[in-house]
Amino acid sequence: MNDQPTKPFLYVVVCAAGIAGDAHRLITAAQAQGWDVGVVATPQGLGFLDAEAITQQTGYPIRSAWRSPGDPRPLPPADAIAVAPATFNTINKWAAGIADTLALGILCEAYGLGIPTVALPYVNAAMAAHPAYGRSLDQLRELGVMVGSYEPHRPKAGGGAERFRWEEALSLLPQDVRR
């Protein structure tokens, strides 16, 4: 494990969606651009990931649960955060300030800490049609969250993976984030 990163540190927050298993694509792209990366998964998102492969790729364990008081922090502080894929549930809870998981707690706290944050939504068109979703995206934008351009896929199709641009998260982050 790395003790003192010399590179900027990116948290990749992964939610439960069919494409979550491809999160390694964002990790690889970030590392190629000079980032150190740690992954935080929602409790349901954890099941979509190859934890061993991601731990080997990043050098850090995947975080999904709160640590006990006094336990060491397994990840350095984030210089930036990318939520990919960002699901309907996470987007709505985050915008409402609900911090009932480690991932949501980190996202809600990021606003107060001024950590640049990007969300790459991955939802189907039926979920995206719910009025709460649009309001939540607007609320996140008002908080300074940069929201990706993915267009919702057809319901019950599990599609759109080929249109999901993992690397967009990096292009949305401000260039001055790098140390």
Protein backbone atom coordinates (compact mmCIF):
# COMPACT_ATOMS: atom_id res chain seq x y z
CA MET A 1 0.00 0.00 0.00
CA ASN A 2 1.10 3.54 -0.71
CA ASP A 3 1.68 5.77 2.33
CA GLN A 4 2.29 9.19 0.79
CA PRO A 5 0.98 9.63 -2.74
CA THR A 6 3.01 11.96 -4.90
CA LYS A 7 0.31 12.03 -7.55
CA PRO A 8 -3.15 13.52 -7.24
CA PHE A 9 -5.58 11.02 -5.73
CA LEU A 10 -8.89 10.15 -7.40
CA TYR A 11 -11.72 8.33 -5.66
CA VAL A 12 -13.80 6.32 -8.12
CA VAL A 13 -17.21 5.70 -6.57
CA VAL A 14 -18.88 2.70 -8.20
CA CYS A 15 -22.62 2.04 -7.92
CA ALA A 16 -24.64 -1.11 -8.67
CA ALA A 17 -25.21 -1.16 -12.42
CA GLY A 18 -24.56 -3.76 -15.08
CA ILE A 19 -21.58 -1.84 -16.44
CA ALA A 20 -19.87 -1.44 -13.05
CA GLY A 21 -17.59 -4.36 -13.82
CA ASP A 22 -15.92 -2.16 -16.43
CA ALA A 23 -14.77 0.41 -13.83
CA HIS A 24 -11.22 -0.76 -14.53
CA ARG A 25 -11.48 1.27 -17.75
CA LEU A 26 -11.73 4.52 -15.78
CA ILE A 27 -9.00 3.40 -13.38
CA THR A 28 -6.67 2.63 -16.30
CA ALA A 29 -7.39 5.96 -18.00
CA ALA A 30 -6.84 7.87 -14.75
CA GLN A 31 -3.58 6.10 -14.04
CA ALA A 32 -2.41 6.85 -17.59
CA GLN A 33 -3.07 10.55 -16.86
CA GLY A 34 -0.98 10.46 -13.69
CA TRP A 35 -3.59 9.81 -10.99
CA ASP A 36 -3.39 7.41 -8.09
CA VAL A 37 -6.80 5.81 -7.68
CA GLY A 38 -8.84 4.30 -4.88
CA VAL A 39 -12.25 2.71 -5.33
CA VAL A 40 -15.25 3.22 -3.06
CA ALA A 41 -18.25 1.04 -3.88
CA THR A 42 -21.81 1.28 -2.72
CA PRO A 43 -22.77 -1.85 -0.75
CA GLN A 44 -24.71 -3.19 -3.74
CA GLY A 45 -22.08 -2.01 -6.21
CA LEU A 46 -19.43 -4.10 -4.49
CA GLY A 47 -20.96 -7.27 -5.92
CA PHE A 48 -20.39 -6.04 -9.47
CA LEU A 49 -16.63 -5.65 -9.05
CA ASP A 50 -13.66 -8.00 -9.19
CA ALA A 51 -12.25 -6.83 -5.87
CA GLU A 52 -8.99 -8.74 -6.23
CA ALA A 53 -8.27 -7.33 -9.68
CA ILE A 54 -9.09 -3.77 -8.63
CA THR A 55 -7.00 -4.03 -5.48
CA GLN A 56 -4.10 -5.29 -7.57
CA GLN A 57 -4.59 -2.53 -10.17
CA THR A 58 -4.83 0.33 -7.66
CA GLY A 59 -2.72 -0.93 -4.77
CA TYR A 60 -5.58 -0.13 -2.38
CA PRO A 61 -8.47 -2.18 -1.01
CA ILE A 62 -11.97 -1.30 -2.20
CA ARG A 63 -13.81 0.67 0.46
CA SER A 64 -17.49 -0.05 0.99
CA ALA A 65 -18.13 0.11 4.71
CA TRP A 66 -17.37 2.61 7.44
CA ARG A 67 -14.14 2.01 9.32
CA SER A 68 -14.13 1.70 13.10
CA PRO A 69 -12.91 4.65 15.15
CA GLY A 70 -9.15 4.45 15.53
CA ASP A 71 -8.67 2.25 12.46
CA PRO A 72 -6.22 3.66 9.93
CA ARG A 73 -7.62 5.34 6.85
CA PRO A 74 -7.05 2.91 3.98
CA LEU A 75 -7.09 5.64 1.31
CA PRO A 76 -5.36 9.02 1.16
CA PRO A 77 -7.61 12.08 1.01
CA ALA A 78 -9.26 12.63 -2.37
CA ASP A 79 -8.15 15.43 -4.66
CA ALA A 80 -11.14 14.64 -6.89
CA ILE A 81 -14.02 12.17 -7.07
CA ALA A 82 -15.64 10.45 -10.06
CA VAL A 83 -18.94 8.63 -9.56
CA ALA A 84 -19.20 6.10 -12.37
CA PRO A 85 -21.61 4.59 -12.97
CA ALA A 86 -23.89 6.89 -10.97
CA THR A 87 -27.24 5.20 -10.49
CA PHE A 88 -30.73 6.64 -10.02
CA ASN A 89 -30.67 5.70 -6.34
CA THR A 90 -27.29 7.25 -5.61
CA ILE A 91 -28.03 10.43 -7.56
CA ASN A 92 -31.31 11.01 -5.71
CA LYS A 93 -29.96 10.20 -2.24
CA TRP A 94 -26.84 12.30 -2.79
CA ALA A 95 -28.84 15.32 -3.95
CA ALA A 96 -31.11 14.95 -0.91
CA GLY A 97 -28.12 14.85 1.44
CA ILE A 98 -28.70 11.27 2.54
CA ALA A 99 -25.44 9.72 3.75
CA ASP A 100 -26.53 6.22 4.73
CA THR A 101 -23.55 4.46 3.11
CA LEU A 102 -19.84 5.21 3.07
CA ALA A 103 -20.03 6.17 -0.61
CA LEU A 104 -22.87 8.63 -0.01
CA GLY A 105 -21.18 9.99 3.11
CA ILE A 106 -18.04 10.73 1.08
CA LEU A 107 -20.09 12.37 -1.68
CA CYS A 108 -22.12 14.53 0.70
CA GLU A 109 -18.98 15.60 2.56
CA ALA A 110 -17.12 16.41 -0.68
CA TYR A 111 -19.25 19.51 -1.17
CA GLY A 112 -18.19 20.99 2.18
CA LEU A 113 -14.58 20.07 1.56
CA GLY A 114 -14.56 21.63 -1.91
CA ILE A 115 -13.47 18.42 -3.63
CA PRO A 116 -14.14 18.55 -7.39
CA THR A 117 -16.68 15.84 -8.18
CA VAL A 118 -17.94 14.34 -11.43
CA ALA A 119 -21.00 12.12 -11.88
CA LEU A 120 -21.46 9.89 -14.91
CA PRO A 121 -25.12 8.82 -14.68
CA TYR A 122 -26.16 5.42 -15.97
CA VAL A 123 -29.93 5.03 -15.84
CA ASN A 124 -32.69 3.79 -18.09
CA ALA A 125 -35.17 6.15 -19.74
CA ALA A 126 -38.08 5.10 -17.50
CA MET A 127 -36.12 5.91 -14.34
CA ALA A 128 -34.81 9.13 -15.88
CA ALA A 129 -38.41 10.18 -16.58
CA HIS A 130 -39.17 10.30 -12.85
CA PRO A 131 -39.35 13.97 -11.80
CA ALA A 132 -37.02 13.42 -8.84
CA TYR A 133 -34.17 12.44 -11.16
CA GLY A 134 -34.10 15.70 -13.10
CA ARG A 135 -34.44 17.74 -9.92
CA SER A 136 -31.61 15.77 -8.35
CA LEU A 137 -29.29 16.36 -11.31
CA ASP A 138 -30.13 20.07 -11.17
CA GLN A 139 -29.41 20.10 -7.43
CA LEU A 140 -26.06 18.36 -7.92
CA ARG A 141 -25.11 20.83 -10.65
CA GLU A 142 -26.00 23.69 -8.28
CA LEU A 143 -23.58 22.11 -5.79
CA GLY A 144 -20.87 22.25 -8.45
CA VAL A 145 -20.96 18.58 -9.47
CA MET A 146 -20.00 18.14 -13.12
CA VAL A 147 -22.50 15.76 -14.76
CA GLY A 148 -21.61 13.60 -17.74
CA SER A 149 -23.44 13.45 -21.04
CA TYR A 150 -24.73 9.85 -21.10
CA GLU A 151 -28.24 9.57 -22.53
CA PRO A 152 -30.47 7.04 -20.72
CA HIS A 153 -30.89 3.64 -22.33
CA ARG A 154 -34.10 1.74 -23.02
CA PRO A 155 -35.77 0.16 -19.96
CA LYS A 156 -35.29 -3.56 -19.39
CA ALA A 157 -32.56 -3.57 -22.03
CA GLY A 158 -29.48 -3.29 -19.84
CA GLY A 159 -28.01 -1.48 -22.77
CA GLY A 160 -25.97 1.55 -23.42
CA ALA A 161 -22.69 0.14 -22.16
CA GLU A 162 -21.07 0.79 -25.54
CA ARG A 163 -22.09 4.48 -25.25
CA PHE A 164 -20.84 4.93 -21.68
CA ARG A 165 -17.74 7.13 -21.81
CA TRP A 166 -15.71 6.25 -18.70
CA GLU A 167 -12.97 8.68 -19.69
CA GLU A 168 -15.43 11.59 -19.74
CA ALA A 169 -15.02 11.77 -15.96
CA LEU A 170 -11.40 12.82 -16.39
CA SER A 171 -12.14 15.38 -19.10
CA LEU A 172 -14.75 17.07 -16.86
CA LEU A 173 -12.36 17.53 -13.93
CA PRO A 174 -10.64 20.91 -13.67
CA GLN A 175 -7.01 20.81 -14.78
CA ASP A 176 -5.84 22.58 -11.63
CA VAL A 177 -6.76 19.57 -9.49
CA ARG A 178 -3.42 17.97 -10.23
CA ARG A 179 -0.66 18.71 -7.75
